[in-house]
N, C-alpha and C. Protein backbone atom coordinates (compact mmCIF):
# COMPACT_ATOMS: atom_id res chain seq x y z
N UNK A 1 96.00 -48.29 9.72
CA UNK A 1 94.95 -48.73 8.84
C UNK A 1 94.63 -50.21 9.04
N UNK A 2 95.18 -50.78 10.09
CA UNK A 2 94.93 -52.21 10.33
C UNK A 2 93.48 -52.50 10.72
N UNK A 3 92.72 -51.49 11.09
CA UNK A 3 91.34 -51.71 11.53
C UNK A 3 90.30 -51.46 10.45
N UNK A 4 90.71 -51.07 9.28
CA UNK A 4 89.74 -50.78 8.21
C UNK A 4 88.91 -52.00 7.83
N UNK A 5 89.46 -53.19 8.07
CA UNK A 5 88.74 -54.43 7.74
C UNK A 5 87.48 -54.63 8.58
N UNK A 6 87.36 -53.89 9.70
CA UNK A 6 86.15 -53.98 10.53
C UNK A 6 84.89 -53.73 9.69
N UNK A 7 85.02 -52.94 8.67
CA UNK A 7 83.86 -52.50 7.90
C UNK A 7 83.75 -53.21 6.55
N UNK A 8 84.57 -54.21 6.32
CA UNK A 8 84.62 -54.88 5.01
C UNK A 8 83.33 -55.61 4.66
N UNK A 9 82.63 -56.14 5.64
CA UNK A 9 81.43 -56.93 5.35
C UNK A 9 80.14 -56.13 5.53
N UNK A 10 80.26 -54.83 5.52
CA UNK A 10 79.07 -53.99 5.68
C UNK A 10 78.17 -54.09 4.46
N UNK A 11 76.94 -53.72 4.64
CA UNK A 11 76.00 -53.61 3.53
C UNK A 11 76.45 -52.44 2.66
N UNK A 12 76.67 -52.63 1.38
CA UNK A 12 77.13 -51.53 0.53
C UNK A 12 76.18 -50.33 0.52
N UNK A 13 74.93 -50.56 0.89
CA UNK A 13 73.96 -49.45 0.94
C UNK A 13 74.01 -48.69 2.25
N UNK A 14 74.90 -49.09 3.17
CA UNK A 14 74.95 -48.45 4.49
C UNK A 14 75.78 -47.18 4.51
N UNK A 15 76.40 -46.82 3.39
CA UNK A 15 77.18 -45.59 3.34
C UNK A 15 76.32 -44.39 3.71
N UNK A 16 76.89 -43.48 4.49
CA UNK A 16 76.15 -42.34 5.02
C UNK A 16 76.90 -41.04 4.73
N UNK A 17 76.26 -40.07 4.09
CA UNK A 17 76.90 -38.77 3.91
C UNK A 17 77.07 -38.09 5.27
N UNK A 18 78.27 -37.54 5.51
CA UNK A 18 78.55 -36.90 6.79
C UNK A 18 79.28 -35.58 6.58
N UNK A 19 79.20 -34.75 7.61
CA UNK A 19 80.01 -33.54 7.72
C UNK A 19 80.86 -33.70 8.96
N UNK A 20 82.15 -33.50 8.80
CA UNK A 20 83.11 -33.65 9.90
C UNK A 20 83.68 -32.27 10.18
N UNK A 21 83.34 -31.71 11.33
CA UNK A 21 83.85 -30.40 11.72
C UNK A 21 85.07 -30.61 12.62
N UNK A 22 86.17 -29.98 12.25
CA UNK A 22 87.40 -30.06 13.02
C UNK A 22 87.79 -28.64 13.35
N UNK A 23 87.95 -28.33 14.63
CA UNK A 23 88.24 -26.97 15.03
C UNK A 23 89.42 -26.96 15.99
N UNK A 24 90.35 -26.03 15.76
CA UNK A 24 91.52 -25.91 16.62
C UNK A 24 91.43 -24.72 17.56
N UNK A 25 90.23 -24.18 17.73
CA UNK A 25 90.02 -23.10 18.69
C UNK A 25 90.78 -21.84 18.33
N UNK A 26 91.56 -21.35 19.28
CA UNK A 26 92.31 -20.11 19.06
C UNK A 26 93.55 -20.31 18.19
N UNK A 27 93.93 -21.55 17.97
CA UNK A 27 95.10 -21.88 17.16
C UNK A 27 94.68 -22.01 15.69
N UNK A 28 95.28 -21.26 14.77
CA UNK A 28 94.87 -21.33 13.37
C UNK A 28 95.43 -22.52 12.59
N UNK A 29 95.90 -23.54 13.28
CA UNK A 29 96.60 -24.64 12.61
C UNK A 29 95.70 -25.49 11.71
N UNK A 30 94.45 -25.72 12.05
CA UNK A 30 93.60 -26.59 11.23
C UNK A 30 93.29 -25.96 9.86
N UNK A 31 92.85 -24.72 9.77
CA UNK A 31 92.65 -24.15 8.43
C UNK A 31 93.94 -24.12 7.61
N UNK A 32 95.07 -23.97 8.28
CA UNK A 32 96.35 -23.91 7.58
C UNK A 32 96.71 -25.23 6.90
N UNK A 33 96.20 -26.35 7.41
CA UNK A 33 96.53 -27.67 6.83
C UNK A 33 95.33 -28.31 6.15
N UNK A 34 94.27 -27.57 5.90
CA UNK A 34 93.03 -28.15 5.36
C UNK A 34 93.26 -28.90 4.05
N UNK A 35 93.92 -28.28 3.10
CA UNK A 35 94.15 -28.93 1.80
C UNK A 35 95.06 -30.14 1.97
N UNK A 36 96.11 -30.01 2.77
CA UNK A 36 97.01 -31.14 3.03
C UNK A 36 96.26 -32.29 3.69
N UNK A 37 95.34 -31.97 4.58
CA UNK A 37 94.58 -33.00 5.27
C UNK A 37 93.70 -33.78 4.29
N UNK A 38 93.00 -33.08 3.42
CA UNK A 38 92.15 -33.79 2.46
C UNK A 38 93.00 -34.64 1.51
N UNK A 39 94.16 -34.12 1.10
CA UNK A 39 95.06 -34.92 0.26
C UNK A 39 95.56 -36.15 1.01
N UNK A 40 95.94 -35.96 2.27
CA UNK A 40 96.45 -37.06 3.09
C UNK A 40 95.39 -38.15 3.26
N UNK A 41 94.17 -37.73 3.59
CA UNK A 41 93.09 -38.71 3.76
C UNK A 41 92.80 -39.44 2.45
N UNK A 42 92.91 -38.74 1.33
CA UNK A 42 92.65 -39.34 0.03
C UNK A 42 93.68 -40.38 -0.38
N UNK A 43 94.87 -40.31 0.19
CA UNK A 43 95.93 -41.25 -0.15
C UNK A 43 96.02 -42.44 0.80
N UNK A 44 95.21 -42.45 1.85
CA UNK A 44 95.22 -43.59 2.78
C UNK A 44 94.55 -44.79 2.11
N UNK A 45 95.04 -45.96 2.43
CA UNK A 45 94.51 -47.20 1.86
C UNK A 45 93.27 -47.63 2.67
N UNK A 46 92.15 -46.96 2.42
CA UNK A 46 90.91 -47.24 3.14
C UNK A 46 89.74 -46.68 2.36
N UNK A 47 88.55 -47.23 2.63
CA UNK A 47 87.34 -46.68 2.04
C UNK A 47 86.25 -46.48 3.09
N UNK A 48 86.68 -46.40 4.35
CA UNK A 48 85.73 -46.20 5.45
C UNK A 48 85.20 -44.77 5.43
N UNK A 49 86.06 -43.80 5.14
CA UNK A 49 85.63 -42.41 4.95
C UNK A 49 86.23 -41.91 3.65
N UNK A 50 85.37 -41.49 2.74
CA UNK A 50 85.81 -40.92 1.47
C UNK A 50 85.45 -39.44 1.49
N UNK A 51 86.48 -38.60 1.56
CA UNK A 51 86.28 -37.15 1.61
C UNK A 51 86.02 -36.63 0.21
N UNK A 52 84.92 -35.90 0.05
CA UNK A 52 84.54 -35.35 -1.25
C UNK A 52 84.89 -33.87 -1.39
N UNK A 53 84.84 -33.13 -0.27
CA UNK A 53 85.14 -31.70 -0.32
C UNK A 53 85.44 -31.20 1.08
N UNK A 54 85.94 -29.98 1.13
CA UNK A 54 86.19 -29.33 2.42
C UNK A 54 85.99 -27.83 2.27
N UNK A 55 85.68 -27.19 3.38
CA UNK A 55 85.57 -25.74 3.45
C UNK A 55 86.16 -25.27 4.76
N UNK A 56 86.81 -24.12 4.73
CA UNK A 56 87.24 -23.49 5.97
C UNK A 56 85.99 -22.96 6.65
N UNK A 57 85.88 -23.20 7.95
CA UNK A 57 84.67 -22.82 8.69
C UNK A 57 84.99 -21.68 9.66
N UNK A 58 84.10 -20.73 9.73
CA UNK A 58 84.22 -19.66 10.70
C UNK A 58 83.46 -19.98 11.97
N UNK A 59 83.51 -19.10 12.91
CA UNK A 59 82.85 -19.33 14.20
C UNK A 59 81.34 -19.54 14.04
N UNK A 60 80.73 -18.86 13.09
CA UNK A 60 79.28 -18.98 12.90
C UNK A 60 78.88 -20.33 12.33
N UNK A 61 79.83 -21.06 11.76
CA UNK A 61 79.54 -22.37 11.16
C UNK A 61 79.61 -23.52 12.16
N UNK A 62 80.05 -23.26 13.37
CA UNK A 62 80.30 -24.31 14.35
C UNK A 62 79.37 -24.13 15.54
N UNK A 63 78.74 -25.21 15.96
CA UNK A 63 77.94 -25.17 17.18
C UNK A 63 78.86 -25.03 18.38
N UNK A 64 78.43 -24.29 19.36
CA UNK A 64 79.23 -24.16 20.58
C UNK A 64 79.28 -25.50 21.29
N UNK A 65 80.44 -25.87 21.80
CA UNK A 65 80.54 -27.14 22.52
C UNK A 65 79.77 -27.10 23.83
N UNK A 66 79.38 -28.26 24.35
CA UNK A 66 78.61 -28.31 25.59
C UNK A 66 79.47 -28.19 26.84
N UNK A 67 80.68 -27.66 26.71
CA UNK A 67 81.58 -27.51 27.85
C UNK A 67 82.30 -26.18 27.72
N UNK A 68 82.92 -25.76 28.80
CA UNK A 68 83.60 -24.47 28.85
C UNK A 68 84.80 -24.44 27.90
N UNK A 69 85.04 -23.28 27.30
CA UNK A 69 86.15 -23.13 26.36
C UNK A 69 87.51 -23.43 26.99
N UNK A 70 87.66 -23.23 28.29
CA UNK A 70 88.94 -23.49 28.93
C UNK A 70 89.28 -24.98 28.96
N UNK A 71 88.30 -25.83 28.70
CA UNK A 71 88.52 -27.28 28.69
C UNK A 71 89.42 -27.70 27.54
N UNK A 72 89.37 -26.98 26.43
CA UNK A 72 90.17 -27.39 25.28
C UNK A 72 91.04 -26.25 24.78
N UNK A 73 90.69 -25.47 23.86
CA UNK A 73 91.44 -24.32 23.38
C UNK A 73 90.47 -23.32 22.76
N UNK A 74 89.24 -23.34 23.29
CA UNK A 74 88.18 -22.54 22.71
C UNK A 74 88.32 -21.08 22.98
N UNK A 75 87.45 -20.33 22.36
CA UNK A 75 86.27 -20.70 21.59
C UNK A 75 86.63 -21.22 20.19
N UNK A 76 85.65 -21.86 19.51
CA UNK A 76 85.92 -22.46 18.20
C UNK A 76 86.03 -21.41 17.09
N UNK A 77 87.25 -20.89 16.91
CA UNK A 77 87.48 -19.81 15.94
C UNK A 77 88.03 -20.28 14.60
N UNK A 78 88.79 -21.37 14.59
CA UNK A 78 89.50 -21.81 13.38
C UNK A 78 89.15 -23.25 13.07
N UNK A 79 88.35 -23.44 12.02
CA UNK A 79 87.92 -24.80 11.73
C UNK A 79 87.83 -25.12 10.25
N UNK A 80 87.59 -26.40 10.01
CA UNK A 80 87.42 -26.94 8.67
C UNK A 80 86.25 -27.91 8.73
N UNK A 81 85.46 -27.95 7.67
CA UNK A 81 84.39 -28.94 7.56
C UNK A 81 84.73 -29.84 6.38
N UNK A 82 84.86 -31.14 6.66
CA UNK A 82 85.05 -32.14 5.61
C UNK A 82 83.70 -32.73 5.28
N UNK A 83 83.43 -32.91 4.01
CA UNK A 83 82.18 -33.55 3.58
C UNK A 83 82.54 -34.81 2.81
N UNK A 84 81.85 -35.88 3.12
CA UNK A 84 82.13 -37.13 2.43
C UNK A 84 81.18 -38.22 2.84
N UNK A 85 81.60 -39.45 2.58
CA UNK A 85 80.76 -40.60 2.91
C UNK A 85 81.49 -41.51 3.90
N UNK A 86 80.77 -41.84 4.97
CA UNK A 86 81.26 -42.76 5.99
C UNK A 86 80.65 -44.12 5.69
N UNK A 87 81.41 -45.18 5.88
CA UNK A 87 80.98 -46.53 5.52
C UNK A 87 79.63 -46.91 6.12
N UNK A 88 79.38 -46.45 7.33
CA UNK A 88 78.10 -46.72 7.99
C UNK A 88 77.93 -45.70 9.10
N UNK A 89 76.70 -45.51 9.54
CA UNK A 89 76.43 -44.59 10.65
C UNK A 89 76.39 -45.43 11.92
N UNK A 90 77.54 -45.51 12.59
CA UNK A 90 77.65 -46.29 13.82
C UNK A 90 78.71 -45.65 14.71
N UNK A 91 78.65 -45.98 16.00
CA UNK A 91 79.67 -45.49 16.93
C UNK A 91 81.06 -45.99 16.51
N UNK A 92 81.14 -47.22 16.03
CA UNK A 92 82.43 -47.77 15.59
C UNK A 92 83.01 -46.95 14.44
N UNK A 93 82.18 -46.64 13.45
CA UNK A 93 82.67 -45.89 12.29
C UNK A 93 83.05 -44.47 12.67
N UNK A 94 82.26 -43.81 13.51
CA UNK A 94 82.58 -42.45 13.95
C UNK A 94 83.86 -42.45 14.78
N UNK A 95 84.00 -43.42 15.67
CA UNK A 95 85.23 -43.54 16.47
C UNK A 95 86.44 -43.79 15.60
N UNK A 96 86.29 -44.66 14.61
CA UNK A 96 87.37 -44.94 13.68
C UNK A 96 87.78 -43.66 12.96
N UNK A 97 86.79 -42.91 12.49
CA UNK A 97 87.07 -41.67 11.77
C UNK A 97 87.77 -40.65 12.67
N UNK A 98 87.32 -40.51 13.91
CA UNK A 98 87.95 -39.57 14.84
C UNK A 98 89.43 -39.92 15.04
N UNK A 99 89.71 -41.21 15.19
CA UNK A 99 91.10 -41.64 15.38
C UNK A 99 91.94 -41.35 14.14
N UNK A 100 91.40 -41.61 12.96
CA UNK A 100 92.14 -41.37 11.71
C UNK A 100 92.37 -39.87 11.51
N UNK A 101 91.37 -39.05 11.78
CA UNK A 101 91.54 -37.60 11.65
C UNK A 101 92.60 -37.11 12.64
N UNK A 102 92.53 -37.55 13.89
CA UNK A 102 93.51 -37.12 14.90
C UNK A 102 94.93 -37.53 14.50
N UNK A 103 95.11 -38.77 14.08
CA UNK A 103 96.43 -39.22 13.63
C UNK A 103 96.90 -38.45 12.41
N UNK A 104 96.00 -38.17 11.49
CA UNK A 104 96.36 -37.48 10.25
C UNK A 104 96.82 -36.05 10.53
N UNK A 105 96.07 -35.31 11.35
CA UNK A 105 96.48 -33.93 11.62
C UNK A 105 97.77 -33.91 12.44
N UNK A 106 97.97 -34.90 13.30
CA UNK A 106 99.24 -34.99 14.04
C UNK A 106 100.40 -35.21 13.07
N UNK A 107 100.19 -36.07 12.06
CA UNK A 107 101.23 -36.30 11.04
C UNK A 107 101.55 -35.01 10.28
N UNK A 108 100.57 -34.11 10.20
CA UNK A 108 100.77 -32.84 9.50
C UNK A 108 101.31 -31.75 10.42
N UNK A 109 101.60 -32.10 11.68
CA UNK A 109 102.24 -31.16 12.59
C UNK A 109 101.32 -30.41 13.54
N UNK A 110 100.03 -30.69 13.51
CA UNK A 110 99.10 -30.00 14.42
C UNK A 110 99.28 -30.56 15.82
N UNK A 111 99.46 -29.68 16.79
CA UNK A 111 99.67 -30.10 18.18
C UNK A 111 98.63 -29.50 19.13
N UNK A 112 97.65 -28.82 18.60
CA UNK A 112 96.62 -28.16 19.40
C UNK A 112 95.51 -29.13 19.76
N UNK A 113 94.87 -28.95 20.92
CA UNK A 113 93.65 -29.72 21.20
C UNK A 113 92.60 -29.39 20.14
N UNK A 114 91.81 -30.38 19.77
CA UNK A 114 90.82 -30.19 18.71
C UNK A 114 89.42 -30.49 19.21
N UNK A 115 88.46 -29.84 18.60
CA UNK A 115 87.05 -30.14 18.79
C UNK A 115 86.59 -30.79 17.49
N UNK A 116 86.13 -32.04 17.56
CA UNK A 116 85.71 -32.78 16.38
C UNK A 116 84.25 -33.17 16.53
N UNK A 117 83.46 -32.88 15.51
CA UNK A 117 82.05 -33.23 15.50
C UNK A 117 81.73 -33.92 14.18
N UNK A 118 81.05 -35.06 14.26
CA UNK A 118 80.62 -35.78 13.06
C UNK A 118 79.10 -35.79 13.06
N UNK A 119 78.51 -35.33 11.97
CA UNK A 119 77.05 -35.27 11.86
C UNK A 119 76.61 -35.81 10.52
N UNK A 120 75.46 -36.45 10.52
CA UNK A 120 74.88 -36.89 9.25
C UNK A 120 74.57 -35.67 8.40
N UNK A 121 74.82 -35.78 7.12
CA UNK A 121 74.51 -34.70 6.18
C UNK A 121 73.32 -35.16 5.36
N UNK A 122 72.18 -34.56 5.61
CA UNK A 122 70.97 -34.96 4.91
C UNK A 122 70.84 -34.18 3.62
N UNK A 123 70.43 -34.85 2.58
CA UNK A 123 70.25 -34.23 1.27
C UNK A 123 69.08 -33.27 1.31
N UNK A 124 69.24 -32.13 0.64
CA UNK A 124 68.14 -31.16 0.59
C UNK A 124 67.32 -31.32 -0.68
N UNK A 125 67.72 -32.22 -1.55
CA UNK A 125 67.01 -32.35 -2.82
C UNK A 125 66.43 -33.63 -2.97
């Protein structure tokens, strides 16, 4: 968490709603730790990503990756979608989030290659 200060001087209005899709492919490990992951993220001393909710995602909820399934552990069968607010919509913030998610799931015992996608979540109302 030593890098969370990178975002300390951001414009408070720069917060962006996002959906973070995490998929462990043929390995069911990510859905198995979904609740633990959201709890773990909620207890970290940071406000760069604030997770508001999560859902277990099926294959129909995930876009196919732009590479062959043999590259990772595909196809994307077992996933979770985290919904929350990212401090800003930037490559730095998305990279920071990817690193924190990867470290967090590793702390929870996940050892499978993961497919991670971060997308802006636009309001429908």
